[in-house]
Amino acid sequence: MTATPSKSCTTNIPNVSASGIDCPEKKQAFGQQAKHAASELTFGKEVTIKTHGHDKYTRTIGDVTLSDGTNVNHTLVKDGWCWWFRKYAPGDMVLEGLEHEAREARKGLWADPQPVPPWEWRKRN
């Protein structure tokens, strides 16, 4: 599937959720920065989506890749804007390593000594 995002979004291209990652919610700490980072990567650019089924909200789950080969899912984790979503990608050693490196470098949301994962934030809000 190929698409060109035409509006601002977080890890979503309309009805597509990036596989294996979970970004902060818009009203959560670092949510707006994560949204901006995702938009900067994808807005107006052609992307390819390797699909992996659908989530409970019927969104397509997929790996989002730019035409230059950049994996958007990986970049958002590497730059510290999203968590590796262990629950849905438990064996993804690439995401695990990228998150570890972002944590060590205190990039993005990892500048906060105790960032709240979005799955925990959603339960509270």
N, C-alpha and C. Protein backbone atom coordinates (compact mmCIF):
# COMPACT_ATOMS: atom_id res chain seq x y z
N MET A 1 0.86 -1.17 0.00
CA MET A 1 0.00 0.00 0.00
C MET A 1 0.90 1.23 0.00
N THR A 2 0.59 2.19 -0.85
CA THR A 2 1.32 3.45 -0.89
C THR A 2 0.35 4.57 -0.61
N ALA A 3 0.78 5.55 0.17
CA ALA A 3 -0.09 6.67 0.53
C ALA A 3 0.75 7.93 0.68
N THR A 4 0.09 9.07 0.61
CA THR A 4 0.74 10.35 0.87
C THR A 4 -0.06 11.05 1.95
N PRO A 5 0.49 11.17 3.17
CA PRO A 5 -0.24 11.85 4.24
C PRO A 5 -0.52 13.30 3.85
N SER A 6 -1.76 13.72 4.03
CA SER A 6 -2.12 15.08 3.66
C SER A 6 -2.59 15.90 4.85
N LYS A 7 -2.54 15.32 6.03
CA LYS A 7 -2.88 16.08 7.22
C LYS A 7 -1.98 15.64 8.37
N SER A 8 -1.89 16.47 9.37
CA SER A 8 -1.03 16.21 10.51
C SER A 8 -1.55 15.01 11.30
N CYS A 9 -0.64 14.16 11.74
CA CYS A 9 -1.05 12.99 12.52
C CYS A 9 0.12 12.54 13.38
N THR A 10 -0.15 11.68 14.35
CA THR A 10 0.94 11.16 15.18
C THR A 10 1.50 9.94 14.45
N THR A 11 1.33 8.75 14.98
CA THR A 11 1.84 7.58 14.29
C THR A 11 0.86 7.10 13.26
N ASN A 12 -0.19 7.85 13.03
CA ASN A 12 -1.23 7.40 12.10
C ASN A 12 -1.22 8.17 10.80
N ILE A 13 -1.23 7.44 9.72
CA ILE A 13 -1.63 7.97 8.44
C ILE A 13 -3.10 7.57 8.47
N PRO A 14 -4.02 8.39 7.98
CA PRO A 14 -5.43 8.08 8.21
C PRO A 14 -5.75 6.58 8.16
N ASN A 15 -6.23 6.07 9.29
CA ASN A 15 -6.62 4.68 9.47
C ASN A 15 -5.47 3.68 9.42
N VAL A 16 -4.24 4.15 9.61
CA VAL A 16 -3.08 3.26 9.69
C VAL A 16 -2.35 3.57 10.99
N SER A 17 -2.04 2.52 11.75
CA SER A 17 -1.29 2.66 12.99
C SER A 17 0.07 2.02 12.81
N ALA A 18 1.13 2.75 13.16
CA ALA A 18 2.49 2.24 13.00
C ALA A 18 2.71 1.04 13.91
N SER A 19 3.19 -0.02 13.34
CA SER A 19 3.38 -1.30 14.02
C SER A 19 4.52 -1.27 15.03
N GLY A 20 4.27 -1.86 16.20
CA GLY A 20 5.32 -2.08 17.19
C GLY A 20 5.72 -0.89 18.03
N ILE A 21 5.04 0.25 17.84
CA ILE A 21 5.40 1.44 18.61
C ILE A 21 4.15 2.07 19.21
N ASP A 22 4.35 2.87 20.24
CA ASP A 22 3.25 3.60 20.87
C ASP A 22 3.78 4.97 21.28
N CYS A 23 3.24 6.01 20.67
CA CYS A 23 3.65 7.39 20.96
C CYS A 23 2.76 7.97 22.04
N PRO A 24 3.25 9.01 22.72
CA PRO A 24 2.42 9.67 23.72
C PRO A 24 1.14 10.21 23.10
N GLU A 25 0.08 10.23 23.89
CA GLU A 25 -1.18 10.81 23.44
C GLU A 25 -1.02 12.32 23.32
N LYS A 26 -1.86 12.95 22.51
CA LYS A 26 -1.73 14.39 22.25
C LYS A 26 -1.73 15.23 23.51
N LYS A 27 -2.55 14.88 24.51
CA LYS A 27 -2.65 15.66 25.74
C LYS A 27 -1.64 15.21 26.80
N GLN A 28 -0.85 14.23 26.48
CA GLN A 28 0.16 13.70 27.39
C GLN A 28 1.47 14.46 27.20
N ALA A 29 2.33 14.45 28.22
CA ALA A 29 3.66 15.06 28.08
C ALA A 29 4.35 14.47 26.86
N PHE A 30 4.94 15.31 26.05
CA PHE A 30 5.66 14.97 24.83
C PHE A 30 4.74 14.55 23.68
N GLY A 31 3.43 14.59 23.88
CA GLY A 31 2.50 14.21 22.83
C GLY A 31 2.56 15.12 21.62
N GLN A 32 2.60 16.43 21.85
CA GLN A 32 2.66 17.37 20.73
C GLN A 32 4.00 17.26 20.00
N GLN A 33 5.08 17.06 20.74
CA GLN A 33 6.39 16.91 20.10
C GLN A 33 6.45 15.64 19.25
N ALA A 34 5.84 14.55 19.76
CA ALA A 34 5.81 13.30 18.99
C ALA A 34 4.98 13.48 17.72
N LYS A 35 3.86 14.17 17.85
CA LYS A 35 3.01 14.45 16.69
C LYS A 35 3.79 15.25 15.65
N HIS A 36 4.49 16.27 16.12
CA HIS A 36 5.28 17.11 15.21
C HIS A 36 6.38 16.29 14.52
N ALA A 37 7.06 15.44 15.27
CA ALA A 37 8.13 14.61 14.71
C ALA A 37 7.58 13.68 13.62
N ALA A 38 6.43 13.06 13.88
CA ALA A 38 5.83 12.16 12.89
C ALA A 38 5.41 12.94 11.65
N SER A 39 4.84 14.11 11.86
CA SER A 39 4.41 14.94 10.74
C SER A 39 5.61 15.39 9.91
N GLU A 40 6.68 15.80 10.58
CA GLU A 40 7.88 16.23 9.86
C GLU A 40 8.44 15.11 8.99
N LEU A 41 8.35 13.89 9.48
CA LEU A 41 8.86 12.75 8.71
C LEU A 41 7.99 12.41 7.51
N THR A 42 6.67 12.57 7.64
CA THR A 42 5.78 12.01 6.62
C THR A 42 4.94 12.99 5.82
N PHE A 43 4.72 14.19 6.33
CA PHE A 43 3.77 15.11 5.69
C PHE A 43 4.13 15.38 4.23
N GLY A 44 3.18 15.09 3.35
CA GLY A 44 3.34 15.36 1.93
C GLY A 44 4.29 14.42 1.21
N LYS A 45 4.75 13.38 1.89
CA LYS A 45 5.70 12.44 1.28
C LYS A 45 5.00 11.13 0.96
N GLU A 46 5.47 10.50 -0.07
CA GLU A 46 4.94 9.18 -0.41
C GLU A 46 5.53 8.16 0.56
N VAL A 47 4.67 7.32 1.10
CA VAL A 47 5.11 6.27 2.01
C VAL A 47 4.57 4.93 1.53
N THR A 48 5.28 3.88 1.91
CA THR A 48 4.81 2.52 1.66
C THR A 48 4.48 1.91 3.00
N ILE A 49 3.37 1.20 3.05
CA ILE A 49 2.93 0.58 4.30
C ILE A 49 2.89 -0.93 4.11
N LYS A 50 3.72 -1.62 4.89
CA LYS A 50 3.69 -3.09 4.91
C LYS A 50 2.72 -3.46 6.01
N THR A 51 1.58 -4.00 5.64
CA THR A 51 0.51 -4.22 6.61
C THR A 51 0.69 -5.53 7.39
N HIS A 52 0.14 -5.49 8.64
CA HIS A 52 0.20 -6.63 9.55
C HIS A 52 -1.17 -6.90 10.18
N GLY A 53 -2.23 -6.63 9.46
CA GLY A 53 -3.57 -6.86 10.00
C GLY A 53 -4.20 -5.58 10.51
N HIS A 54 -5.17 -5.74 11.43
CA HIS A 54 -5.94 -4.61 11.95
C HIS A 54 -5.99 -4.66 13.48
N ASP A 55 -6.14 -3.49 14.09
CA ASP A 55 -6.29 -3.44 15.54
C ASP A 55 -7.78 -3.45 15.89
N LYS A 56 -8.09 -3.35 17.18
CA LYS A 56 -9.48 -3.43 17.62
C LYS A 56 -10.32 -2.25 17.17
N TYR A 57 -9.66 -1.18 16.68
CA TYR A 57 -10.39 -0.01 16.17
C TYR A 57 -10.50 -0.06 14.65
N THR A 58 -10.14 -1.18 14.06
CA THR A 58 -10.17 -1.45 12.61
C THR A 58 -9.12 -0.67 11.82
N ARG A 59 -8.16 -0.05 12.51
CA ARG A 59 -7.06 0.61 11.79
C ARG A 59 -6.12 -0.47 11.25
N THR A 60 -5.57 -0.23 10.09
CA THR A 60 -4.54 -1.10 9.54
C THR A 60 -3.27 -0.89 10.34
N ILE A 61 -2.62 -1.97 10.73
CA ILE A 61 -1.35 -1.91 11.44
C ILE A 61 -0.25 -2.16 10.42
N GLY A 62 0.78 -1.33 10.44
CA GLY A 62 1.82 -1.54 9.45
C GLY A 62 3.13 -0.85 9.74
N ASP A 63 4.14 -1.26 8.98
CA ASP A 63 5.43 -0.61 8.99
C ASP A 63 5.39 0.47 7.92
N VAL A 64 5.72 1.69 8.30
CA VAL A 64 5.65 2.84 7.40
C VAL A 64 7.07 3.17 6.95
N THR A 65 7.27 3.17 5.63
CA THR A 65 8.58 3.43 5.05
C THR A 65 8.50 4.56 4.05
N LEU A 66 9.46 5.49 4.13
CA LEU A 66 9.54 6.58 3.16
C LEU A 66 10.16 6.07 1.87
N SER A 67 10.02 6.83 0.80
CA SER A 67 10.55 6.41 -0.49
C SER A 67 12.08 6.27 -0.49
N ASP A 68 12.77 6.94 0.45
CA ASP A 68 14.23 6.79 0.54
C ASP A 68 14.65 5.59 1.39
N GLY A 69 13.67 4.80 1.86
CA GLY A 69 13.95 3.61 2.65
C GLY A 69 13.91 3.82 4.15
N THR A 70 13.71 5.05 4.61
CA THR A 70 13.63 5.33 6.04
C THR A 70 12.41 4.66 6.65
N ASN A 71 12.62 3.87 7.70
CA ASN A 71 11.52 3.24 8.42
C ASN A 71 11.04 4.24 9.47
N VAL A 72 9.83 4.76 9.28
CA VAL A 72 9.28 5.79 10.16
C VAL A 72 9.10 5.24 11.57
N ASN A 73 8.61 4.02 11.70
CA ASN A 73 8.42 3.41 13.01
C ASN A 73 9.73 3.42 13.79
N HIS A 74 10.81 2.98 13.14
CA HIS A 74 12.12 2.92 13.78
C HIS A 74 12.64 4.32 14.12
N THR A 75 12.47 5.25 13.20
CA THR A 75 12.98 6.60 13.42
C THR A 75 12.33 7.27 14.62
N LEU A 76 11.01 7.10 14.78
CA LEU A 76 10.32 7.71 15.91
C LEU A 76 10.81 7.15 17.25
N VAL A 77 11.13 5.87 17.28
CA VAL A 77 11.68 5.28 18.51
C VAL A 77 13.12 5.72 18.70
N LYS A 78 13.91 5.69 17.64
CA LYS A 78 15.33 6.08 17.71
C LYS A 78 15.50 7.52 18.19
N ASP A 79 14.59 8.39 17.76
CA ASP A 79 14.68 9.79 18.14
C ASP A 79 14.03 10.09 19.50
N GLY A 80 13.49 9.05 20.13
CA GLY A 80 12.95 9.20 21.48
C GLY A 80 11.53 9.73 21.56
N TRP A 81 10.74 9.61 20.49
CA TRP A 81 9.37 10.13 20.53
C TRP A 81 8.33 9.06 20.78
N CYS A 82 8.71 7.80 20.72
CA CYS A 82 7.75 6.71 20.94
C CYS A 82 8.41 5.58 21.71
N TRP A 83 7.58 4.79 22.33
CA TRP A 83 8.03 3.58 23.02
C TRP A 83 7.98 2.40 22.06
N TRP A 84 8.87 1.45 22.30
CA TRP A 84 8.73 0.13 21.68
C TRP A 84 7.54 -0.49 22.39
N PHE A 85 6.52 -0.93 21.65
CA PHE A 85 5.29 -1.47 22.24
C PHE A 85 5.46 -2.97 22.42
N ARG A 86 6.09 -3.34 23.54
CA ARG A 86 6.45 -4.73 23.82
C ARG A 86 5.26 -5.68 23.73
N LYS A 87 4.10 -5.22 24.16
CA LYS A 87 2.91 -6.08 24.17
C LYS A 87 2.59 -6.59 22.76
N TYR A 88 2.79 -5.75 21.76
CA TYR A 88 2.42 -6.12 20.40
C TYR A 88 3.60 -6.45 19.50
N ALA A 89 4.82 -6.23 19.98
CA ALA A 89 6.01 -6.56 19.20
C ALA A 89 7.08 -7.11 20.14
N PRO A 90 6.75 -8.18 20.88
CA PRO A 90 7.63 -8.65 21.94
C PRO A 90 9.02 -9.11 21.49
N GLY A 91 9.17 -9.60 20.29
CA GLY A 91 10.47 -10.10 19.86
C GLY A 91 11.21 -9.16 18.94
N ASP A 92 10.79 -7.92 18.85
CA ASP A 92 11.42 -6.99 17.91
C ASP A 92 12.70 -6.43 18.51
N MET A 93 13.81 -7.08 18.18
CA MET A 93 15.10 -6.69 18.75
C MET A 93 15.58 -5.35 18.20
N VAL A 94 15.16 -4.99 17.00
CA VAL A 94 15.55 -3.69 16.44
C VAL A 94 14.92 -2.58 17.27
N LEU A 95 13.59 -2.65 17.49
CA LEU A 95 12.92 -1.62 18.30
C LEU A 95 13.47 -1.60 19.72
N GLU A 96 13.74 -2.76 20.27
CA GLU A 96 14.31 -2.82 21.61
C GLU A 96 15.64 -2.07 21.67
N GLY A 97 16.50 -2.31 20.71
CA GLY A 97 17.80 -1.65 20.68
C GLY A 97 17.69 -0.16 20.46
N LEU A 98 16.79 0.26 19.56
CA LEU A 98 16.60 1.69 19.30
C LEU A 98 16.08 2.42 20.53
N GLU A 99 15.13 1.79 21.24
CA GLU A 99 14.62 2.42 22.46
C GLU A 99 15.72 2.51 23.52
N HIS A 100 16.49 1.46 23.66
CA HIS A 100 17.58 1.46 24.64
C HIS A 100 18.56 2.60 24.35
N GLU A 101 18.93 2.76 23.09
CA GLU A 101 19.87 3.82 22.70
C GLU A 101 19.27 5.20 22.97
N ALA A 102 17.99 5.39 22.66
CA ALA A 102 17.32 6.69 22.91
C ALA A 102 17.27 6.98 24.40
N ARG A 103 16.98 5.96 25.21
CA ARG A 103 16.95 6.13 26.67
C ARG A 103 18.31 6.56 27.19
N GLU A 104 19.35 5.84 26.75
CA GLU A 104 20.71 6.13 27.21
C GLU A 104 21.13 7.54 26.83
N ALA A 105 20.73 8.00 25.65
CA ALA A 105 21.10 9.34 25.18
C ALA A 105 20.15 10.42 25.68
N ARG A 106 19.09 10.00 26.39
CA ARG A 106 18.07 10.92 26.93
C ARG A 106 17.45 11.77 25.83
N LYS A 107 17.17 11.11 24.70
CA LYS A 107 16.55 11.79 23.56
C LYS A 107 15.04 11.90 23.77
N GLY A 108 14.47 12.97 23.23
CA GLY A 108 13.02 13.13 23.22
C GLY A 108 12.40 12.98 24.59
N LEU A 109 11.41 12.10 24.69
CA LEU A 109 10.69 11.91 25.96
C LEU A 109 11.56 11.29 27.04
N TRP A 110 12.69 10.73 26.65
CA TRP A 110 13.60 10.13 27.64
C TRP A 110 14.39 11.18 28.40
N ALA A 111 14.22 12.46 28.06
CA ALA A 111 14.80 13.53 28.87
C ALA A 111 14.11 13.60 30.23
N ASP A 112 12.87 13.12 30.27
CA ASP A 112 12.12 13.04 31.53
C ASP A 112 12.63 11.81 32.27
N PRO A 113 13.02 11.95 33.55
CA PRO A 113 13.54 10.79 34.28
C PRO A 113 12.51 9.68 34.48
N GLN A 114 11.21 10.01 34.45
CA GLN A 114 10.18 8.99 34.63
C GLN A 114 9.02 9.21 33.66
N PRO A 115 9.27 9.04 32.36
CA PRO A 115 8.17 9.24 31.41
C PRO A 115 7.09 8.17 31.61
N VAL A 116 5.85 8.55 31.40
CA VAL A 116 4.73 7.63 31.58
C VAL A 116 4.37 7.02 30.22
N PRO A 117 4.45 5.71 30.09
CA PRO A 117 4.07 5.09 28.83
C PRO A 117 2.61 5.38 28.49
N PRO A 118 2.30 5.55 27.21
CA PRO A 118 0.93 5.90 26.83
C PRO A 118 -0.12 4.87 27.26
N TRP A 119 0.23 3.59 27.29
CA TRP A 119 -0.75 2.58 27.71
C TRP A 119 -1.11 2.77 29.19
N GLU A 120 -0.17 3.26 30.01
CA GLU A 120 -0.48 3.56 31.41
C GLU A 120 -1.27 4.87 31.52
N TRP A 121 -0.86 5.87 30.73
CA TRP A 121 -1.53 7.17 30.73
C TRP A 121 -3.00 7.01 30.33
N ARG A 122 -3.27 6.18 29.32
CA ARG A 122 -4.66 5.97 28.87
C ARG A 122 -5.51 5.34 29.97
N LYS A 123 -4.95 4.45 30.77
CA LYS A 123 -5.71 3.84 31.86
C LYS A 123 -6.11 4.87 32.91
N ARG A 124 -5.26 5.88 33.11
CA ARG A 124 -5.50 6.90 34.14
C ARG A 124 -6.42 8.03 33.66
N ASN A 125 -6.52 8.19 32.35
CA ASN A 125 -7.24 9.35 31.81
C ASN A 125 -8.42 8.95 31.00
